[in-house]
Amino acid sequence: GGLVQAGGSLRLSCAASGRTFRDYTMGWFRQAPGKER
């Protein structure tokens, strides 16, 4: 994460430890201030 200008790009990563996620669904969510996830 970080600061980016409108129109720009970012790549987020999510590393799992303690369990392999090979056989499971992974999701991405976001939550803005005052809003639901």
PDB file of all heavy atoms in Angstrom:
ATOM      1  N   GLY A   1       0.819  -1.202   0.000  1.00  0.00           N
ATOM      2  CA  GLY A   1       0.000   0.000   0.000  1.00  0.00           C
ATOM      3  C   GLY A   1       0.854   1.254   0.000  1.00  0.00           C
ATOM      4  O   GLY A   1       2.068   1.206   0.168  1.00  0.00           O
ATOM      5  N   GLY A   2       0.189   2.385  -0.199  1.00  0.00           N
ATOM      6  CA  GLY A   2       0.911   3.644  -0.198  1.00  0.00           C
ATOM      7  C   GLY A   2       0.105   4.736  -0.844  1.00  0.00           C
ATOM      8  O   GLY A   2      -1.111   4.612  -1.017  1.00  0.00           O
ATOM      9  N   LEU A   3       0.797   5.794  -1.189  1.00  0.00           N
ATOM     10  CA  LEU A   3       0.177   6.956  -1.816  1.00  0.00           C
ATOM     11  C   LEU A   3       0.416   6.908  -3.322  1.00  0.00           C
ATOM     12  O   LEU A   3       1.547   6.697  -3.776  1.00  0.00           O
ATOM     13  CB  LEU A   3       0.777   8.230  -1.225  1.00  0.00           C
ATOM     14  CG  LEU A   3       0.334   9.564  -1.832  1.00  0.00           C
ATOM     15  CD1 LEU A   3      -1.156   9.789  -1.598  1.00  0.00           C
ATOM     16  CD2 LEU A   3       1.165  10.706  -1.244  1.00  0.00           C
ATOM     17  N   VAL A   4      -0.639   7.118  -4.071  1.00  0.00           N
ATOM     18  CA  VAL A   4      -0.535   7.100  -5.526  1.00  0.00           C
ATOM     19  C   VAL A   4      -1.462   8.172  -6.084  1.00  0.00           C
ATOM     20  O   VAL A   4      -2.496   8.471  -5.482  1.00  0.00           O
ATOM     21  CB  VAL A   4      -0.885   5.701  -6.083  1.00  0.00           C
ATOM     22  CG1 VAL A   4      -2.322   5.321  -5.774  1.00  0.00           C
ATOM     23  CG2 VAL A   4      -0.592   5.597  -7.557  1.00  0.00           C
ATOM     24  N   GLN A   5      -1.077   8.729  -7.195  1.00  0.00           N
ATOM     25  CA  GLN A   5      -1.936   9.728  -7.838  1.00  0.00           C
ATOM     26  C   GLN A   5      -3.076   9.049  -8.586  1.00  0.00           C
ATOM     27  O   GLN A   5      -2.952   7.884  -9.010  1.00  0.00           O
ATOM     28  CB  GLN A   5      -1.121  10.574  -8.809  1.00  0.00           C
ATOM     29  CG  GLN A   5      -0.182  11.556  -8.128  1.00  0.00           C
ATOM     30  CD  GLN A   5       0.454  12.510  -9.126  1.00  0.00           C
ATOM     31  OE1 GLN A   5       0.607  12.193 -10.301  1.00  0.00           O
ATOM     32  NE2 GLN A   5       0.822  13.701  -8.646  1.00  0.00           N
ATOM     33  N   ALA A   6      -4.147   9.771  -8.752  1.00  0.00           N
ATOM     34  CA  ALA A   6      -5.268   9.261  -9.526  1.00  0.00           C
ATOM     35  C   ALA A   6      -4.784   8.848 -10.914  1.00  0.00           C
ATOM     36  O   ALA A   6      -3.986   9.549 -11.535  1.00  0.00           O
ATOM     37  CB  ALA A   6      -6.357  10.320  -9.644  1.00  0.00           C
ATOM     38  N   GLY A   7      -5.254   7.697 -11.339  1.00  0.00           N
ATOM     39  CA  GLY A   7      -4.824   7.151 -12.619  1.00  0.00           C
ATOM     40  C   GLY A   7      -3.619   6.246 -12.516  1.00  0.00           C
ATOM     41  O   GLY A   7      -3.252   5.582 -13.492  1.00  0.00           O
ATOM     42  N   GLY A   8      -3.009   6.205 -11.347  1.00  0.00           N
ATOM     43  CA  GLY A   8      -1.815   5.394 -11.145  1.00  0.00           C
ATOM     44  C   GLY A   8      -2.127   3.952 -10.803  1.00  0.00           C
ATOM     45  O   GLY A   8      -3.287   3.528 -10.784  1.00  0.00           O
ATOM     46  N   SER A   9      -1.051   3.215 -10.537  1.00  0.00           N
ATOM     47  CA  SER A   9      -1.168   1.784 -10.269  1.00  0.00           C
ATOM     48  C   SER A   9      -0.432   1.410  -8.991  1.00  0.00           C
ATOM     49  O   SER A   9       0.518   2.081  -8.580  1.00  0.00           O
ATOM     50  CB  SER A   9      -0.575   0.982 -11.434  1.00  0.00           C
ATOM     51  OG  SER A   9      -1.248   1.242 -12.635  1.00  0.00           O
ATOM     52  N   LEU A  10      -0.900   0.336  -8.403  1.00  0.00           N
ATOM     53  CA  LEU A  10      -0.245  -0.257  -7.232  1.00  0.00           C
ATOM     54  C   LEU A  10      -0.453  -1.753  -7.292  1.00  0.00           C
ATOM     55  O   LEU A  10      -1.471  -2.225  -7.817  1.00  0.00           O
ATOM     56  CB  LEU A  10      -0.843   0.261  -5.927  1.00  0.00           C
ATOM     57  CG  LEU A  10      -0.324   1.546  -5.293  1.00  0.00           C
ATOM     58  CD1 LEU A  10      -1.119   1.841  -4.029  1.00  0.00           C
ATOM     59  CD2 LEU A  10       1.155   1.484  -5.012  1.00  0.00           C
ATOM     60  N   ARG A  11       0.480  -2.493  -6.726  1.00  0.00           N
ATOM     61  CA  ARG A  11       0.297  -3.927  -6.560  1.00  0.00           C
ATOM     62  C   ARG A  11       0.403  -4.276  -5.091  1.00  0.00           C
ATOM     63  O   ARG A  11       1.417  -4.006  -4.453  1.00  0.00           O
ATOM     64  CB  ARG A  11       1.324  -4.732  -7.352  1.00  0.00           C
ATOM     65  CG  ARG A  11       1.002  -6.220  -7.348  1.00  0.00           C
ATOM     66  CD  ARG A  11       1.960  -7.037  -8.163  1.00  0.00           C
ATOM     67  NE  ARG A  11       3.187  -7.337  -7.437  1.00  0.00           N
ATOM     68  CZ  ARG A  11       3.965  -8.394  -7.686  1.00  0.00           C
ATOM     69  NH1 ARG A  11       3.632  -9.244  -8.655  1.00  0.00           N
ATOM     70  NH2 ARG A  11       5.072  -8.577  -7.018  1.00  0.00           N
ATOM     71  N   LEU A  12      -0.657  -4.856  -4.594  1.00  0.00           N
ATOM     72  CA  LEU A  12      -0.683  -5.331  -3.216  1.00  0.00           C
ATOM     73  C   LEU A  12      -0.336  -6.815  -3.181  1.00  0.00           C
ATOM     74  O   LEU A  12      -0.680  -7.561  -4.103  1.00  0.00           O
ATOM     75  CB  LEU A  12      -2.061  -5.104  -2.597  1.00  0.00           C
ATOM     76  CG  LEU A  12      -2.617  -3.682  -2.662  1.00  0.00           C
ATOM     77  CD1 LEU A  12      -3.964  -3.627  -1.925  1.00  0.00           C
ATOM     78  CD2 LEU A  12      -1.650  -2.675  -2.108  1.00  0.00           C
ATOM     79  N   SER A  13       0.304  -7.203  -2.117  1.00  0.00           N
ATOM     80  CA  SER A  13       0.637  -8.602  -1.906  1.00  0.00           C
ATOM     81  C   SER A  13       0.048  -9.069  -0.583  1.00  0.00           C
ATOM     82  O   SER A  13      -0.106  -8.281   0.350  1.00  0.00           O
ATOM     83  CB  SER A  13       2.156  -8.798  -1.863  1.00  0.00           C
ATOM     84  OG  SER A  13       2.771  -8.384  -3.056  1.00  0.00           O
ATOM     85  N   CYS A  14      -0.254 -10.347  -0.540  1.00  0.00           N
ATOM     86  CA  CYS A  14      -0.749 -10.954   0.698  1.00  0.00           C
ATOM     87  C   CYS A  14      -0.056 -12.298   0.851  1.00  0.00           C
ATOM     88  O   CYS A  14      -0.290 -13.219   0.059  1.00  0.00           O
ATOM     89  CB  CYS A  14      -2.254 -11.131   0.644  1.00  0.00           C
ATOM     90  SG  CYS A  14      -2.936 -12.085   2.016  1.00  0.00           S
ATOM     91  N   ALA A  15       0.796 -12.379   1.844  1.00  0.00           N
ATOM     92  CA  ALA A  15       1.545 -13.607   2.084  1.00  0.00           C
ATOM     93  C   ALA A  15       0.924 -14.369   3.248  1.00  0.00           C
ATOM     94  O   ALA A  15       0.666 -13.797   4.310  1.00  0.00           O
ATOM     95  CB  ALA A  15       3.001 -13.287   2.394  1.00  0.00           C
ATOM     96  N   ALA A  16       0.703 -15.636   3.027  1.00  0.00           N
ATOM     97  CA  ALA A  16       0.123 -16.491   4.064  1.00  0.00           C
ATOM     98  C   ALA A  16       1.209 -17.323   4.715  1.00  0.00           C
ATOM     99  O   ALA A  16       2.124 -17.805   4.040  1.00  0.00           O
ATOM    100  CB  ALA A  16      -0.938 -17.394   3.470  1.00  0.00           C
ATOM    101  N   SER A  17       1.102 -17.477   5.988  1.00  0.00           N
ATOM    102  CA  SER A  17       2.023 -18.350   6.721  1.00  0.00           C
ATOM    103  C   SER A  17       1.220 -19.214   7.675  1.00  0.00           C
ATOM    104  O   SER A  17       0.136 -18.849   8.107  1.00  0.00           O
ATOM    105  CB  SER A  17       3.054 -17.525   7.502  1.00  0.00           C
ATOM    106  OG  SER A  17       2.427 -16.711   8.461  1.00  0.00           O
ATOM    107  N   GLY A  18       1.761 -20.381   7.952  1.00  0.00           N
ATOM    108  CA  GLY A  18       1.103 -21.282   8.876  1.00  0.00           C
ATOM    109  C   GLY A  18       0.130 -22.245   8.221  1.00  0.00           C
ATOM    110  O   GLY A  18      -0.340 -23.186   8.865  1.00  0.00           O
ATOM    111  N   ARG A  19      -0.176 -21.971   6.953  1.00  0.00           N
ATOM    112  CA  ARG A  19      -1.094 -22.848   6.235  1.00  0.00           C
ATOM    113  C   ARG A  19      -0.990 -22.522   4.750  1.00  0.00           C
ATOM    114  O   ARG A  19      -0.910 -21.358   4.376  1.00  0.00           O
ATOM    115  CB  ARG A  19      -2.526 -22.633   6.717  1.00  0.00           C
ATOM    116  CG  ARG A  19      -3.527 -23.600   6.132  1.00  0.00           C
ATOM    117  CD  ARG A  19      -4.825 -23.543   6.905  1.00  0.00           C
ATOM    118  NE  ARG A  19      -5.771 -24.531   6.420  1.00  0.00           N
ATOM    119  CZ  ARG A  19      -6.973 -24.738   6.953  1.00  0.00           C
ATOM    120  NH1 ARG A  19      -7.365 -24.016   7.980  1.00  0.00           N
ATOM    121  NH2 ARG A  19      -7.771 -25.641   6.460  1.00  0.00           N
ATOM    122  N   THR A  20      -1.032 -23.548   3.935  1.00  0.00           N
ATOM    123  CA  THR A  20      -1.023 -23.312   2.507  1.00  0.00           C
ATOM    124  C   THR A  20      -2.422 -22.969   2.029  1.00  0.00           C
ATOM    125  O   THR A  20      -3.408 -23.529   2.519  1.00  0.00           O
ATOM    126  CB  THR A  20      -0.495 -24.547   1.749  1.00  0.00           C
ATOM    127  OG1 THR A  20      -0.506 -24.265   0.352  1.00  0.00           O
ATOM    128  CG2 THR A  20      -1.341 -25.764   2.021  1.00  0.00           C
ATOM    129  N   PHE A  21      -2.534 -22.020   1.092  1.00  0.00           N
ATOM    130  CA  PHE A  21      -3.856 -21.631   0.624  1.00  0.00           C
ATOM    131  C   PHE A  21      -4.200 -22.236  -0.729  1.00  0.00           C
ATOM    132  O   PHE A  21      -5.179 -21.857  -1.342  1.00  0.00           O
ATOM    133  CB  PHE A  21      -4.024 -20.107   0.621  1.00  0.00           C
ATOM    134  CG  PHE A  21      -3.142 -19.358  -0.346  1.00  0.00           C
ATOM    135  CD1 PHE A  21      -3.009 -19.719  -1.679  1.00  0.00           C
ATOM    136  CD2 PHE A  21      -2.484 -18.217   0.077  1.00  0.00           C
ATOM    137  CE1 PHE A  21      -2.232 -19.007  -2.555  1.00  0.00           C
ATOM    138  CE2 PHE A  21      -1.697 -17.487  -0.800  1.00  0.00           C
ATOM    139  CZ  PHE A  21      -1.572 -17.872  -2.113  1.00  0.00           C
ATOM    140  N   ARG A  22      -3.411 -23.180  -1.179  1.00  0.00           N
ATOM    141  CA  ARG A  22      -3.566 -23.752  -2.500  1.00  0.00           C
ATOM    142  C   ARG A  22      -5.008 -24.176  -2.805  1.00  0.00           C
ATOM    143  O   ARG A  22      -5.491 -24.006  -3.910  1.00  0.00           O
ATOM    144  CB  ARG A  22      -2.637 -24.955  -2.660  1.00  0.00           C
ATOM    145  CG  ARG A  22      -2.673 -25.603  -4.015  1.00  0.00           C
ATOM    146  CD  ARG A  22      -1.933 -26.933  -3.986  1.00  0.00           C
ATOM    147  NE  ARG A  22      -0.656 -26.821  -3.320  1.00  0.00           N
ATOM    148  CZ  ARG A  22       0.470 -26.481  -3.933  1.00  0.00           C
ATOM    149  NH1 ARG A  22       0.478 -26.228  -5.226  1.00  0.00           N
ATOM    150  NH2 ARG A  22       1.604 -26.411  -3.257  1.00  0.00           N
ATOM    151  N   ASP A  23      -5.684 -24.728  -1.834  1.00  0.00           N
ATOM    152  CA  ASP A  23      -7.002 -25.305  -2.071  1.00  0.00           C
ATOM    153  C   ASP A  23      -8.147 -24.431  -1.560  1.00  0.00           C
ATOM    154  O   ASP A  23      -9.281 -24.923  -1.396  1.00  0.00           O
ATOM    155  CB  ASP A  23      -7.083 -26.676  -1.402  1.00  0.00           C
ATOM    156  CG  ASP A  23      -6.122 -27.679  -2.032  1.00  0.00           C
ATOM    157  OD1 ASP A  23      -6.203 -27.860  -3.264  1.00  0.00           O
ATOM    158  OD2 ASP A  23      -5.305 -28.260  -1.291  1.00  0.00           O
ATOM    159  N   TYR A  24      -7.865 -23.170  -1.347  1.00  0.00           N
ATOM    160  CA  TYR A  24      -8.863 -22.304  -0.724  1.00  0.00           C
ATOM    161  C   TYR A  24      -9.009 -20.979  -1.461  1.00  0.00           C
ATOM    162  O   TYR A  24      -8.100 -20.526  -2.142  1.00  0.00           O
ATOM    163  CB  TYR A  24      -8.494 -22.051   0.735  1.00  0.00           C
ATOM    164  CG  TYR A  24      -8.395 -23.330   1.523  1.00  0.00           C
ATOM    165  CD1 TYR A  24      -7.171 -23.966   1.690  1.00  0.00           C
ATOM    166  CD2 TYR A  24      -9.539 -23.930   2.057  1.00  0.00           C
ATOM    167  CE1 TYR A  24      -7.083 -25.167   2.377  1.00  0.00           C
ATOM    168  CE2 TYR A  24      -9.458 -25.126   2.742  1.00  0.00           C
ATOM    169  CZ  TYR A  24      -8.229 -25.738   2.898  1.00  0.00           C
ATOM    170  OH  TYR A  24      -8.143 -26.924   3.563  1.00  0.00           O
ATOM    171  N   THR A  25     -10.174 -20.384  -1.262  1.00  0.00           N
ATOM    172  CA  THR A  25     -10.460 -19.096  -1.858  1.00  0.00           C
ATOM    173  C   THR A  25      -9.770 -17.987  -1.080  1.00  0.00           C
ATOM    174  O   THR A  25      -9.801 -17.970   0.151  1.00  0.00           O
ATOM    175  CB  THR A  25     -11.969 -18.835  -1.883  1.00  0.00           C
ATOM    176  OG1 THR A  25     -12.594 -19.819  -2.711  1.00  0.00           O
ATOM    177  CG2 THR A  25     -12.291 -17.452  -2.403  1.00  0.00           C
ATOM    178  N   MET A  26      -9.181 -17.069  -1.842  1.00  0.00           N
ATOM    179  CA  MET A  26      -8.584 -15.879  -1.262  1.00  0.00           C
ATOM    180  C   MET A  26      -9.339 -14.669  -1.789  1.00  0.00           C
ATOM    181  O   MET A  26      -9.632 -14.576  -2.979  1.00  0.00           O
ATOM    182  CB  MET A  26      -7.112 -15.758  -1.643  1.00  0.00           C
ATOM    183  CG  MET A  26      -6.265 -16.928  -1.188  1.00  0.00           C
ATOM    184  SD  MET A  26      -6.175 -17.070   0.599  1.00  0.00           S
ATOM    185  CE  MET A  26      -5.265 -15.586   1.004  1.00  0.00           C
ATOM    186  N   GLY A  27      -9.653 -13.755  -0.902  1.00  0.00           N
ATOM    187  CA  GLY A  27     -10.393 -12.568  -1.305  1.00  0.00           C
ATOM    188  C   GLY A  27      -9.675 -11.289  -0.931  1.00  0.00           C
ATOM    189  O   GLY A  27      -8.828 -11.278  -0.030  1.00  0.00           O
ATOM    190  N   TRP A  28     -10.020 -10.236  -1.654  1.00  0.00           N
ATOM    191  CA  TRP A  28      -9.545  -8.891  -1.329  1.00  0.00           C
ATOM    192  C   TRP A  28     -10.770  -8.021  -1.031  1.00  0.00           C
ATOM    193  O   TRP A  28     -11.757  -8.056  -1.786  1.00  0.00           O
ATOM    194  CB  TRP A  28      -8.754  -8.287  -2.479  1.00  0.00           C
ATOM    195  CG  TRP A  28      -7.358  -8.807  -2.622  1.00  0.00           C
ATOM    196  CD1 TRP A  28      -6.928  -9.800  -3.456  1.00  0.00           C
ATOM    197  CD2 TRP A  28      -6.208  -8.353  -1.915  1.00  0.00           C
ATOM    198  NE1 TRP A  28      -5.580 -10.000  -3.296  1.00  0.00           N
ATOM    199  CE2 TRP A  28      -5.105  -9.121  -2.351  1.00  0.00           C
ATOM    200  CE3 TRP A  28      -5.982  -7.388  -0.931  1.00  0.00           C
ATOM    201  CZ2 TRP A  28      -3.807  -8.934  -1.865  1.00  0.00           C
ATOM    202  CZ3 TRP A  28      -4.694  -7.197  -0.446  1.00  0.00           C
ATOM    203  CH2 TRP A  28      -3.621  -7.978  -0.921  1.00  0.00           C
ATOM    204  N   PHE A  29     -10.667  -7.263   0.029  1.00  0.00           N
ATOM    205  CA  PHE A  29     -11.720  -6.352   0.445  1.00  0.00           C
ATOM    206  C   PHE A  29     -11.093  -4.985   0.710  1.00  0.00           C
ATOM    207  O   PHE A  29      -9.884  -4.862   0.839  1.00  0.00           O
ATOM    208  CB  PHE A  29     -12.399  -6.863   1.722  1.00  0.00           C
ATOM    209  CG  PHE A  29     -13.207  -8.114   1.524  1.00  0.00           C
ATOM    210  CD1 PHE A  29     -12.580  -9.350   1.439  1.00  0.00           C
ATOM    211  CD2 PHE A  29     -14.589  -8.061   1.417  1.00  0.00           C
ATOM    212  CE1 PHE A  29     -13.315 -10.519   1.254  1.00  0.00           C
ATOM    213  CE2 PHE A  29     -15.339  -9.223   1.233  1.00  0.00           C
ATOM    214  CZ  PHE A  29     -14.705 -10.446   1.153  1.00  0.00           C
ATOM    215  N   ARG A  30     -11.937  -4.003   0.827  1.00  0.00           N
ATOM    216  CA  ARG A  30     -11.459  -2.674   1.209  1.00  0.00           C
ATOM    217  C   ARG A  30     -12.501  -1.999   2.084  1.00  0.00           C
ATOM    218  O   ARG A  30     -13.693  -2.291   2.005  1.00  0.00           O
ATOM    219  CB  ARG A  30     -11.144  -1.817  -0.011  1.00  0.00           C
ATOM    220  CG  ARG A  30     -12.340  -1.498  -0.887  1.00  0.00           C
ATOM    221  CD  ARG A  30     -11.887  -0.827  -2.176  1.00  0.00           C
ATOM    222  NE  ARG A  30     -13.013  -0.540  -3.065  1.00  0.00           N
ATOM    223  CZ  ARG A  30     -12.880  -0.172  -4.328  1.00  0.00           C
ATOM    224  NH1 ARG A  30     -11.661  -0.044  -4.872  1.00  0.00           N
ATOM    225  NH2 ARG A  30     -13.951   0.077  -5.071  1.00  0.00           N
ATOM    226  N   GLN A  31     -12.007  -1.092   2.906  1.00  0.00           N
ATOM    227  CA  GLN A  31     -12.891  -0.349   3.788  1.00  0.00           C
ATOM    228  C   GLN A  31     -12.422   1.091   3.855  1.00  0.00           C
ATOM    229  O   GLN A  31     -11.307   1.370   4.318  1.00  0.00           O
ATOM    230  CB  GLN A  31     -12.914  -0.977   5.186  1.00  0.00           C
ATOM    231  CG  GLN A  31     -13.950  -0.365   6.093  1.00  0.00           C
ATOM    232  CD  GLN A  31     -14.207  -1.222   7.327  1.00  0.00           C
ATOM    233  OE1 GLN A  31     -13.406  -2.079   7.691  1.00  0.00           O
ATOM    234  NE2 GLN A  31     -15.340  -1.005   7.950  1.00  0.00           N
ATOM    235  N   ALA A  32     -13.276   1.970   3.402  1.00  0.00           N
ATOM    236  CA  ALA A  32     -13.010   3.401   3.469  1.00  0.00           C
ATOM    237  C   ALA A  32     -13.555   3.942   4.788  1.00  0.00           C
ATOM    238  O   ALA A  32     -14.455   3.336   5.389  1.00  0.00           O
ATOM    239  CB  ALA A  32     -13.672   4.105   2.291  1.00  0.00           C
ATOM    240  N   PRO A  33     -13.039   5.062   5.255  1.00  0.00           N
ATOM    241  CA  PRO A  33     -13.531   5.629   6.514  1.00  0.00           C
ATOM    242  C   PRO A  33     -15.035   5.836   6.502  1.00  0.00           C
ATOM    243  O   PRO A  33     -15.579   6.410   5.550  1.00  0.00           O
ATOM    244  CB  PRO A  33     -12.783   6.965   6.596  1.00  0.00           C
ATOM    245  CG  PRO A  33     -11.548   6.760   5.803  1.00  0.00           C
ATOM    246  CD  PRO A  33     -11.938   5.838   4.682  1.00  0.00           C
ATOM    247  N   GLY A  34     -15.675   5.354   7.523  1.00  0.00           N
ATOM    248  CA  GLY A  34     -17.106   5.538   7.647  1.00  0.00           C
ATOM    249  C   GLY A  34     -17.954   4.639   6.778  1.00  0.00           C
ATOM    250  O   GLY A  34     -19.181   4.787   6.733  1.00  0.00           O
ATOM    251  N   LYS A  35     -17.316   3.713   6.085  1.00  0.00           N
ATOM    252  CA  LYS A  35     -18.062   2.825   5.189  1.00  0.00           C
ATOM    253  C   LYS A  35     -17.852   1.371   5.592  1.00  0.00           C
ATOM    254  O   LYS A  35     -16.921   1.041   6.312  1.00  0.00           O
ATOM    255  CB  LYS A  35     -17.626   3.042   3.746  1.00  0.00           C
ATOM    256  CG  LYS A  35     -17.969   4.420   3.200  1.00  0.00           C
ATOM    257  CD  LYS A  35     -17.710   4.499   1.709  1.00  0.00           C
ATOM    258  CE  LYS A  35     -18.140   5.832   1.148  1.00  0.00           C
ATOM    259  NZ  LYS A  35     -17.934   5.907  -0.320  1.00  0.00           N
ATOM    260  N   GLU A  36     -18.740   0.531   5.082  1.00  0.00           N
ATOM    261  CA  GLU A  36     -18.614  -0.885   5.360  1.00  0.00           C
ATOM    262  C   GLU A  36     -17.501  -1.507   4.505  1.00  0.00           C
ATOM    263  O   GLU A  36     -17.158  -0.993   3.455  1.00  0.00           O
ATOM    264  CB  GLU A  36     -19.942  -1.594   5.071  1.00  0.00           C
ATOM    265  CG  GLU A  36     -21.058  -1.211   6.025  1.00  0.00           C
ATOM    266  CD  GLU A  36     -22.315  -2.031   5.807  1.00  0.00           C
ATOM    267  OE1 GLU A  36     -22.360  -2.812   4.831  1.00  0.00           O
ATOM    268  OE2 GLU A  36     -23.252  -1.896   6.617  1.00  0.00           O
ATOM    269  N   ARG A  37     -17.023  -2.622   4.997  1.00  0.00           N
ATOM    270  CA  ARG A  37     -16.030  -3.350   4.234  1.00  0.00           C
ATOM    271  C   ARG A  37     -16.697  -3.935   2.988  1.00  0.00           C
ATOM    272  O   ARG A  37     -17.770  -4.535   3.069  1.00  0.00           O
ATOM    273  CB  ARG A  37     -15.430  -4.466   5.095  1.00  0.00           C
ATOM    274  CG  ARG A  37     -14.202  -5.107   4.520  1.00  0.00           C
ATOM    275  CD  ARG A  37     -13.499  -5.959   5.560  1.00  0.00           C
ATOM    276  NE  ARG A  37     -13.040  -5.150   6.691  1.00  0.00           N
ATOM    277  CZ  ARG A  37     -12.233  -5.627   7.649  1.00  0.00           C
ATOM    278  NH1 ARG A  37     -11.799  -6.882   7.593  1.00  0.00           N
ATOM    279  NH2 ARG A  37     -11.878  -4.844   8.647  1.00  0.00           N
TER     280      ARG A  37
END
